[in-house]
Amino acid sequence: MRSSKALLPYLPILMIRIGSGANTFLISYLSPGSNIMIGLILASYPFVEALSSFVAGYMADKIGRKLTLIMGYTWILIFMALIYIAIALLKNPLATAVFNGAMGFGAALVLVSMLAMITDITERGYRGLGMGVFDFINIFGYALGYMIGSILYQVVKGSTAFIMLLILLIILYAVVLRYIVETKPTIGTVYLNPLRGVSKRVVPTLPIWFSITTILGAAIYSGRAIGSIKGVMPIHVGALFLGATLVVGLGSVFFGYISDRLGRLRTMSIGVAGVSIGLIILTVLLLLGVNPIIAVAASAPFIFMASAVVPSILALTGDEALISMRGSAMGLYSLVLGFGMGLGSILGSYSYVKLGLGGIALLALVIFVIAFILYAVLRVILLRK
């Protein structure tokens, strides 16, 4: 990576994910509605983020990374204030879902523009490391936000926690504006069809990528489920998520570096093995009624291995994208992340109602097996000579 300039895109990612994680926690605990309704509310954000992904990528390519970022962050602040109104004043779960969903558009603008910026300022030989740092910042920021949300909830004991969160994000917004610079390349054509900017080598990896984000969405919903266990306080849930994401995040940095040396697909295969073994262990232990914290600890080494998947695929996408359409290509990240997390929130809530925490783990295992089969089939179809 080139000098300290390469560190700048990570700042807004951290800020946006802190806000997103805290917002998710507060909605989980404060929004009116049933377990399944909460799942739908949480899913609205990533679904809209996914639907906005290619629009965000096109904007980043046409009007620039920085302006797209500013528009996205401003949008998020506006709709976070509206979520407070929906929960505290209207007490309306439908309005909460609408405003939370609308906020997903802003998230797409920020994440896609920043991924394009990271691709711009990292050479091919260091792009895996750059994407690993992105993945670490992305998930660590979310978990840190989740932890901050749990602290605000316990300290304030009410929807005023949203106001405190909004003030924090406004302060961070000022910091972001001060340090971000433009990196948009000036060469090449930007096509309306976003898939013209992506190589067919990337396509077979999409089911694997989608399964990981779906599992992430189900895992985030499980925070509400774990919080319902007798004796477990909100801050305990926040600490558990923070610890788990530290393991995954550090693994992303490590395996991102390895992908620069070993190759993208070889490194991804390490992650696939980790996901498979880790989910089997987690599913069996939870279905047997083992304490969730012990179950997560037992599968932690394989969760670490699983972190090889995302930075490898992100780096491969950046390597294979047209220079003029890096924003559009990175829209794939937001598309897969949004639909995966949204679907995971809905299916996770349903699985929990039917089978408890073990049901969420079983759901994750089934989704990953299906994704791996699709990956193998697509490789045969698209990459055969």
Protein backbone atom coordinates (compact mmCIF):
# COMPACT_ATOMS: atom_id res chain seq x y z
CA MET A 1 0.00 0.00 0.00
CA ARG A 2 1.22 3.47 -0.79
CA SER A 3 2.11 5.62 2.23
CA SER A 4 -0.34 6.88 4.84
CA LYS A 5 -2.83 7.77 2.08
CA ALA A 6 -3.75 4.08 1.94
CA LEU A 7 -5.06 4.24 5.50
CA LEU A 8 -7.60 7.01 4.85
CA PRO A 9 -10.47 4.94 3.37
CA TYR A 10 -10.65 2.78 6.48
CA LEU A 11 -11.74 5.65 8.71
CA PRO A 12 -15.25 6.15 7.22
CA ILE A 13 -15.75 2.38 7.09
CA LEU A 14 -15.05 2.18 10.82
CA MET A 15 -17.39 5.10 11.51
CA ILE A 16 -20.25 3.76 9.42
CA ARG A 17 -20.03 0.28 10.92
CA ILE A 18 -19.93 1.59 14.49
CA GLY A 19 -23.17 3.41 13.77
CA SER A 20 -24.68 0.38 12.04
CA GLY A 21 -23.78 -2.02 14.85
CA ALA A 22 -25.10 0.27 17.59
CA ASN A 23 -28.25 0.93 15.60
CA THR A 24 -28.84 -2.81 15.16
CA PHE A 25 -28.48 -3.48 18.88
CA LEU A 26 -30.81 -0.67 19.89
CA ILE A 27 -33.45 -1.72 17.38
CA SER A 28 -33.21 -5.33 18.60
CA TYR A 29 -33.90 -4.29 22.19
CA LEU A 30 -36.11 -1.20 21.82
CA SER A 31 -38.26 -1.65 18.74
CA PRO A 32 -41.85 -2.83 19.28
CA GLY A 33 -42.89 -6.08 17.59
CA SER A 34 -42.53 -9.86 17.78
CA ASN A 35 -39.30 -11.82 17.27
CA ILE A 36 -40.09 -12.35 13.60
CA MET A 37 -41.06 -8.68 13.16
CA ILE A 38 -37.71 -7.64 14.64
CA GLY A 39 -36.03 -9.94 12.12
CA LEU A 40 -37.91 -8.19 9.31
CA ILE A 41 -36.97 -4.75 10.64
CA LEU A 42 -33.29 -5.70 10.81
CA ALA A 43 -33.50 -7.23 7.31
CA SER A 44 -34.89 -4.04 5.74
CA TYR A 45 -31.51 -2.23 6.04
CA PRO A 46 -29.35 -4.80 4.23
CA PHE A 47 -32.03 -5.50 1.61
CA VAL A 48 -32.14 -1.84 0.55
CA GLU A 49 -28.34 -1.71 0.74
CA ALA A 50 -28.24 -4.62 -1.70
CA LEU A 51 -30.78 -3.09 -4.07
CA SER A 52 -28.75 0.14 -4.06
CA SER A 53 -25.37 -1.48 -4.63
CA PHE A 54 -24.93 -1.03 -8.37
CA VAL A 55 -26.41 2.48 -8.26
CA ALA A 56 -23.82 3.30 -5.59
CA GLY A 57 -21.05 1.79 -7.70
CA TYR A 58 -22.10 3.75 -10.79
CA MET A 59 -22.18 6.98 -8.76
CA ALA A 60 -18.71 6.28 -7.34
CA ASP A 61 -17.37 5.76 -10.86
CA LYS A 62 -19.12 8.78 -12.40
CA ILE A 63 -19.12 11.54 -9.75
CA GLY A 64 -16.24 10.34 -7.58
CA ARG A 65 -15.59 8.41 -4.39
CA LYS A 66 -15.53 11.37 -1.99
CA LEU A 67 -18.80 13.00 -3.06
CA THR A 68 -20.57 9.62 -2.99
CA LEU A 69 -19.26 9.07 0.54
CA ILE A 70 -20.46 12.48 1.75
CA MET A 71 -23.93 11.91 0.32
CA GLY A 72 -24.12 8.48 1.93
CA TYR A 73 -23.04 9.57 5.38
CA THR A 74 -25.45 12.52 5.39
CA TRP A 75 -28.30 10.22 4.33
CA ILE A 76 -27.54 7.84 7.21
CA LEU A 77 -27.64 10.60 9.83
CA ILE A 78 -31.02 11.82 8.60
CA PHE A 79 -32.65 8.42 8.72
CA MET A 80 -31.15 7.48 12.06
CA ALA A 81 -32.96 10.50 13.51
CA LEU A 82 -36.17 9.25 11.87
CA ILE A 83 -35.71 5.80 13.42
CA TYR A 84 -35.62 7.45 16.84
CA ILE A 85 -38.92 9.17 16.05
CA ALA A 86 -40.47 5.89 14.85
CA ILE A 87 -39.51 4.02 18.02
CA ALA A 88 -39.76 6.72 20.71
CA LEU A 89 -42.72 8.77 19.48
CA LEU A 90 -44.67 6.73 16.93
CA LYS A 91 -43.95 3.34 18.54
CA ASN A 92 -44.58 1.87 15.12
CA PRO A 93 -42.61 -1.20 13.93
CA LEU A 94 -43.61 -0.63 10.28
CA ALA A 95 -42.27 2.94 10.30
CA THR A 96 -39.11 1.64 11.99
CA ALA A 97 -38.67 -0.92 9.20
CA VAL A 98 -39.19 1.73 6.48
CA PHE A 99 -36.69 4.20 7.97
CA ASN A 100 -34.15 1.47 8.80
CA GLY A 101 -34.44 0.19 5.25
CA ALA A 102 -33.99 3.65 3.74
CA MET A 103 -30.79 4.04 5.75
CA GLY A 104 -29.39 1.08 3.81
CA PHE A 105 -29.08 3.28 0.71
CA GLY A 106 -26.63 5.52 2.54
CA ALA A 107 -24.65 2.50 3.70
CA ALA A 108 -24.30 1.29 0.11
CA LEU A 109 -22.96 4.70 -0.98
CA VAL A 110 -20.33 4.70 1.78
CA LEU A 111 -19.16 1.08 1.54
CA VAL A 112 -18.98 0.86 -2.24
CA SER A 113 -17.17 4.18 -2.62
CA MET A 114 -14.65 3.20 0.04
CA LEU A 115 -14.03 -0.25 -1.47
CA ALA A 116 -13.41 1.41 -4.83
CA MET A 117 -10.98 3.80 -3.14
CA ILE A 118 -9.09 0.93 -1.49
CA THR A 119 -8.83 -0.81 -4.87
CA ASP A 120 -7.52 2.42 -6.42
CA ILE A 121 -4.69 2.90 -3.93
CA THR A 122 -3.49 -0.69 -3.42
CA GLU A 123 -1.16 -2.40 -5.86
CA ARG A 124 -2.07 -5.92 -6.95
CA GLY A 125 0.64 -7.49 -4.78
CA TYR A 126 -0.81 -5.87 -1.64
CA ARG A 127 -4.51 -5.85 -2.51
CA GLY A 128 -5.27 -8.96 -0.47
CA LEU A 129 -3.78 -7.31 2.61
CA GLY A 130 -5.74 -4.13 1.86
CA MET A 131 -9.00 -6.07 1.59
CA GLY A 132 -8.16 -8.02 4.73
CA VAL A 133 -7.77 -4.77 6.63
CA PHE A 134 -11.09 -3.62 5.16
CA ASP A 135 -12.85 -6.78 6.33
CA PHE A 136 -11.30 -6.42 9.78
CA ILE A 137 -12.38 -2.78 10.09
CA ASN A 138 -15.81 -3.60 8.68
CA ILE A 139 -16.71 -6.40 11.10
CA PHE A 140 -14.77 -5.00 14.07
CA GLY A 141 -16.50 -1.65 13.65
CA TYR A 142 -19.86 -3.42 13.57
CA ALA A 143 -19.08 -5.39 16.73
CA LEU A 144 -17.67 -2.31 18.46
CA GLY A 145 -20.87 -0.48 17.56
CA TYR A 146 -22.90 -3.40 18.89
CA MET A 147 -20.94 -3.12 22.15
CA ILE A 148 -21.46 0.66 22.27
CA GLY A 149 -25.18 0.11 21.66
CA SER A 150 -25.33 -2.33 24.59
CA ILE A 151 -23.59 0.19 26.86
CA LEU A 152 -25.90 3.02 25.78
CA TYR A 153 -28.91 0.77 26.36
CA GLN A 154 -27.81 -0.16 29.88
CA VAL A 155 -26.82 3.38 30.84
CA VAL A 156 -29.74 5.30 29.33
CA LYS A 157 -32.46 2.61 29.63
CA GLY A 158 -34.55 3.89 26.76
CA SER A 159 -34.81 5.29 23.24
CA THR A 160 -32.79 8.38 24.22
CA ALA A 161 -29.82 6.12 23.46
CA PHE A 162 -30.50 6.83 19.77
CA ILE A 163 -29.96 10.55 20.34
CA MET A 164 -26.63 9.91 22.04
CA LEU A 165 -25.61 7.66 19.17
CA LEU A 166 -26.60 10.31 16.62
CA ILE A 167 -24.48 12.96 18.39
CA LEU A 168 -21.50 10.57 18.35
CA LEU A 169 -21.91 9.93 14.61
CA ILE A 170 -22.15 13.65 13.81
CA ILE A 171 -18.82 14.21 15.57
CA LEU A 172 -17.25 11.32 13.67
CA TYR A 173 -18.72 12.70 10.42
CA ALA A 174 -16.72 15.90 10.90
CA VAL A 175 -13.54 13.82 11.29
CA VAL A 176 -14.26 11.88 8.10
CA LEU A 177 -14.79 15.03 6.02
CA ARG A 178 -11.49 16.44 7.20
CA TYR A 179 -9.26 13.58 6.07
CA ILE A 180 -10.81 11.91 3.01
CA VAL A 181 -9.34 12.67 -0.43
CA GLU A 182 -10.48 11.71 -3.94
CA THR A 183 -8.86 8.75 -5.75
CA LYS A 184 -11.13 8.24 -8.78
CA PRO A 185 -9.16 7.14 -11.90
CA THR A 186 -9.64 9.36 -14.95
CA ILE A 187 -9.35 6.70 -17.68
CA GLY A 188 -11.78 4.29 -19.28
CA THR A 189 -15.49 3.99 -20.00
CA VAL A 190 -18.15 3.39 -17.35
CA TYR A 191 -20.90 1.12 -18.68
CA LEU A 192 -24.45 1.07 -17.35
CA ASN A 193 -24.30 -2.73 -17.12
CA PRO A 194 -22.27 -3.34 -13.92
CA LEU A 195 -21.42 -6.94 -14.88
CA ARG A 196 -19.28 -5.66 -17.78
CA GLY A 197 -16.76 -4.55 -15.20
CA VAL A 198 -16.37 -8.02 -13.61
CA SER A 199 -14.44 -11.06 -14.82
CA LYS A 200 -16.16 -14.45 -15.08
CA ARG A 201 -13.53 -15.81 -12.69
CA VAL A 202 -15.32 -13.92 -9.91
CA VAL A 203 -18.82 -15.28 -10.63
CA PRO A 204 -18.40 -18.83 -9.20
CA THR A 205 -17.31 -17.40 -5.84
CA LEU A 206 -20.56 -15.47 -5.39
CA PRO A 207 -22.55 -18.35 -3.80
CA ILE A 208 -19.80 -18.85 -1.20
CA TRP A 209 -19.70 -15.12 -0.54
CA PHE A 210 -23.49 -14.96 -0.29
CA SER A 211 -23.61 -17.86 2.18
CA ILE A 212 -21.07 -16.16 4.47
CA THR A 213 -23.12 -12.95 4.59
CA THR A 214 -26.34 -14.91 5.17
CA ILE A 215 -24.69 -16.68 8.07
CA LEU A 216 -23.53 -13.29 9.37
CA GLY A 217 -27.10 -11.98 9.25
CA ALA A 218 -28.36 -15.00 11.21
CA ALA A 219 -25.52 -14.59 13.72
CA ILE A 220 -26.41 -10.94 14.29
CA TYR A 221 -30.02 -11.91 14.99
CA SER A 222 -28.74 -14.51 17.47
CA GLY A 223 -27.61 -11.62 19.69
CA ARG A 224 -31.25 -11.02 20.59
CA ALA A 225 -31.71 -14.77 21.15
CA ILE A 226 -28.67 -15.06 23.42
CA GLY A 227 -29.83 -12.00 25.33
CA SER A 228 -33.04 -13.80 26.25
CA ILE A 229 -31.11 -16.46 28.21
CA LYS A 230 -31.54 -16.06 31.95
CA GLY A 231 -28.61 -14.27 33.57
CA VAL A 232 -27.20 -12.89 30.30
CA MET A 233 -27.02 -9.09 30.27
CA PRO A 234 -26.96 -6.93 27.12
CA ILE A 235 -23.33 -6.01 27.70
CA HIS A 236 -22.44 -9.72 27.80
CA VAL A 237 -23.90 -10.13 24.32
CA GLY A 238 -21.93 -7.12 23.09
CA ALA A 239 -18.70 -8.51 24.56
CA LEU A 240 -19.29 -11.93 22.98
CA PHE A 241 -19.77 -10.38 19.53
CA LEU A 242 -16.74 -8.14 19.97
CA GLY A 243 -14.52 -11.10 20.90
CA ALA A 244 -15.75 -13.24 18.01
CA THR A 245 -15.25 -10.49 15.46
CA LEU A 246 -11.75 -9.79 16.73
CA VAL A 247 -10.88 -13.40 15.91
CA VAL A 248 -12.44 -13.16 12.45
CA GLY A 249 -11.07 -9.67 11.78
CA LEU A 250 -7.48 -10.53 12.63
CA GLY A 251 -7.86 -13.65 10.53
CA SER A 252 -8.98 -11.49 7.59
CA VAL A 253 -5.81 -9.39 7.78
CA PHE A 254 -3.61 -12.50 8.05
CA PHE A 255 -5.29 -14.40 5.23
CA GLY A 256 -5.53 -11.29 3.06
CA TYR A 257 -1.73 -11.14 3.23
CA ILE A 258 -1.51 -14.88 2.54
CA SER A 259 -3.70 -14.47 -0.56
CA ASP A 260 -1.13 -12.03 -1.95
CA ARG A 261 1.47 -14.79 -1.70
CA LEU A 262 -0.45 -18.05 -2.11
CA GLY A 263 -3.17 -16.92 -4.52
CA ARG A 264 -6.82 -15.89 -4.11
CA LEU A 265 -8.60 -19.20 -4.74
CA ARG A 266 -6.13 -21.33 -2.79
CA THR A 267 -6.52 -19.06 0.20
CA MET A 268 -10.29 -19.10 -0.17
CA SER A 269 -10.21 -22.92 0.02
CA ILE A 270 -8.65 -22.64 3.49
CA GLY A 271 -11.61 -20.53 4.53
CA VAL A 272 -14.10 -22.98 3.04
CA ALA A 273 -12.60 -25.80 5.12
CA GLY A 274 -12.76 -23.64 8.25
CA VAL A 275 -16.40 -22.70 7.71
CA SER A 276 -17.39 -26.34 7.17
CA ILE A 277 -15.68 -27.74 10.27
CA GLY A 278 -16.60 -24.78 12.48
CA LEU A 279 -20.29 -24.94 11.60
CA ILE A 280 -20.47 -28.69 12.20
CA ILE A 281 -18.98 -28.28 15.68
CA LEU A 282 -21.17 -25.29 16.51
CA THR A 283 -24.37 -26.98 15.30
CA VAL A 284 -23.78 -30.20 17.22
CA LEU A 285 -22.88 -28.45 20.48
CA LEU A 286 -25.80 -26.02 20.38
CA LEU A 287 -28.33 -28.72 19.49
CA LEU A 288 -27.02 -30.70 22.47
CA GLY A 289 -27.72 -27.70 24.71
CA VAL A 290 -24.12 -26.66 25.40
CA ASN A 291 -23.68 -23.08 26.64
CA PRO A 292 -23.39 -20.76 23.58
CA ILE A 293 -20.19 -19.16 24.84
CA ILE A 294 -18.52 -22.58 25.24
CA ALA A 295 -19.79 -23.65 21.80
CA VAL A 296 -18.37 -20.52 20.15
CA ALA A 297 -15.04 -20.99 21.96
CA ALA A 298 -14.81 -24.61 20.77
CA SER A 299 -15.31 -23.59 17.15
CA ALA A 300 -13.10 -20.47 17.37
CA PRO A 301 -10.00 -21.96 15.62
CA PHE A 302 -12.10 -22.88 12.60
CA ILE A 303 -13.88 -19.51 12.67
CA PHE A 304 -10.39 -18.02 12.39
CA MET A 305 -9.76 -20.18 9.28
CA ALA A 306 -13.14 -19.13 7.88
CA SER A 307 -11.96 -15.54 7.79
CA ALA A 308 -9.87 -16.40 4.70
CA VAL A 309 -12.96 -16.36 2.47
CA VAL A 310 -13.96 -12.69 2.23
CA PRO A 311 -10.58 -10.94 1.73
CA SER A 312 -9.65 -13.50 -0.94
CA ILE A 313 -12.85 -12.91 -2.92
CA LEU A 314 -12.65 -9.12 -2.49
CA ALA A 315 -9.06 -9.06 -3.71
CA LEU A 316 -9.95 -11.31 -6.66
CA THR A 317 -12.81 -8.95 -7.58
CA GLY A 318 -10.48 -5.94 -7.41
CA ASP A 319 -7.81 -7.72 -9.47
CA GLU A 320 -10.23 -8.68 -12.23
CA ALA A 321 -12.31 -5.46 -12.44
CA LEU A 322 -11.97 -2.87 -15.21
CA ILE A 323 -10.08 0.13 -13.80
CA SER A 324 -12.83 2.51 -14.91
CA MET A 325 -15.54 0.36 -13.25
CA ARG A 326 -14.04 -0.52 -9.89
CA GLY A 327 -16.94 1.15 -8.10
CA SER A 328 -19.47 -0.89 -10.07
CA ALA A 329 -17.49 -4.09 -9.50
CA MET A 330 -17.32 -3.42 -5.77
CA GLY A 331 -21.07 -2.92 -5.86
CA LEU A 332 -21.10 -6.72 -5.88
CA TYR A 333 -19.88 -6.62 -2.27
CA SER A 334 -22.78 -4.48 -1.15
CA LEU A 335 -25.23 -6.55 -3.22
CA VAL A 336 -24.12 -9.86 -1.72
CA LEU A 337 -23.71 -8.44 1.79
CA GLY A 338 -27.12 -6.79 1.78
CA PHE A 339 -29.18 -9.67 0.45
CA GLY A 340 -27.25 -12.18 2.55
CA MET A 341 -27.62 -10.32 5.83
CA GLY A 342 -31.26 -9.52 5.15
CA LEU A 343 -32.11 -13.13 4.37
CA GLY A 344 -30.07 -14.28 7.37
CA SER A 345 -32.01 -12.01 9.73
CA ILE A 346 -35.35 -13.40 8.51
CA LEU A 347 -34.34 -17.07 8.39
CA GLY A 348 -32.44 -16.72 11.67
CA SER A 349 -35.52 -15.44 13.50
CA TYR A 350 -37.65 -18.27 12.09
CA SER A 351 -35.04 -20.94 12.93
CA TYR A 352 -34.71 -19.64 16.47
CA VAL A 353 -38.47 -19.77 17.02
CA LYS A 354 -38.52 -23.40 15.80
CA LEU A 355 -35.29 -24.91 17.18
CA GLY A 356 -33.59 -22.31 19.38
CA LEU A 357 -29.94 -21.32 18.95
CA GLY A 358 -29.11 -24.76 17.56
CA GLY A 359 -31.59 -24.08 14.78
CA ILE A 360 -29.68 -20.95 13.73
CA ALA A 361 -26.43 -22.94 13.53
CA LEU A 362 -28.14 -25.74 11.58
CA LEU A 363 -29.55 -23.17 9.16
CA ALA A 364 -26.04 -21.77 8.60
CA LEU A 365 -24.63 -25.23 7.90
CA VAL A 366 -27.34 -26.08 5.35
CA ILE A 367 -26.90 -22.74 3.56
CA PHE A 368 -23.14 -23.22 3.29
CA VAL A 369 -23.42 -26.76 1.92
CA ILE A 370 -25.81 -25.55 -0.80
CA ALA A 371 -23.48 -22.64 -1.61
CA PHE A 372 -20.46 -24.92 -1.98
CA ILE A 373 -22.35 -27.16 -4.41
CA LEU A 374 -23.32 -24.11 -6.51
CA TYR A 375 -19.71 -22.90 -6.44
CA ALA A 376 -18.46 -26.23 -7.78
CA VAL A 377 -21.11 -26.33 -10.53
CA LEU A 378 -20.45 -22.74 -11.66
CA ARG A 379 -16.69 -23.35 -11.83
CA VAL A 380 -17.26 -26.30 -14.15
CA ILE A 381 -19.68 -24.35 -16.36
CA LEU A 382 -17.93 -20.98 -16.56
CA LEU A 383 -14.24 -21.83 -16.35
CA ARG A 384 -13.95 -24.91 -18.51
CA LYS A 385 -11.82 -24.43 -21.58
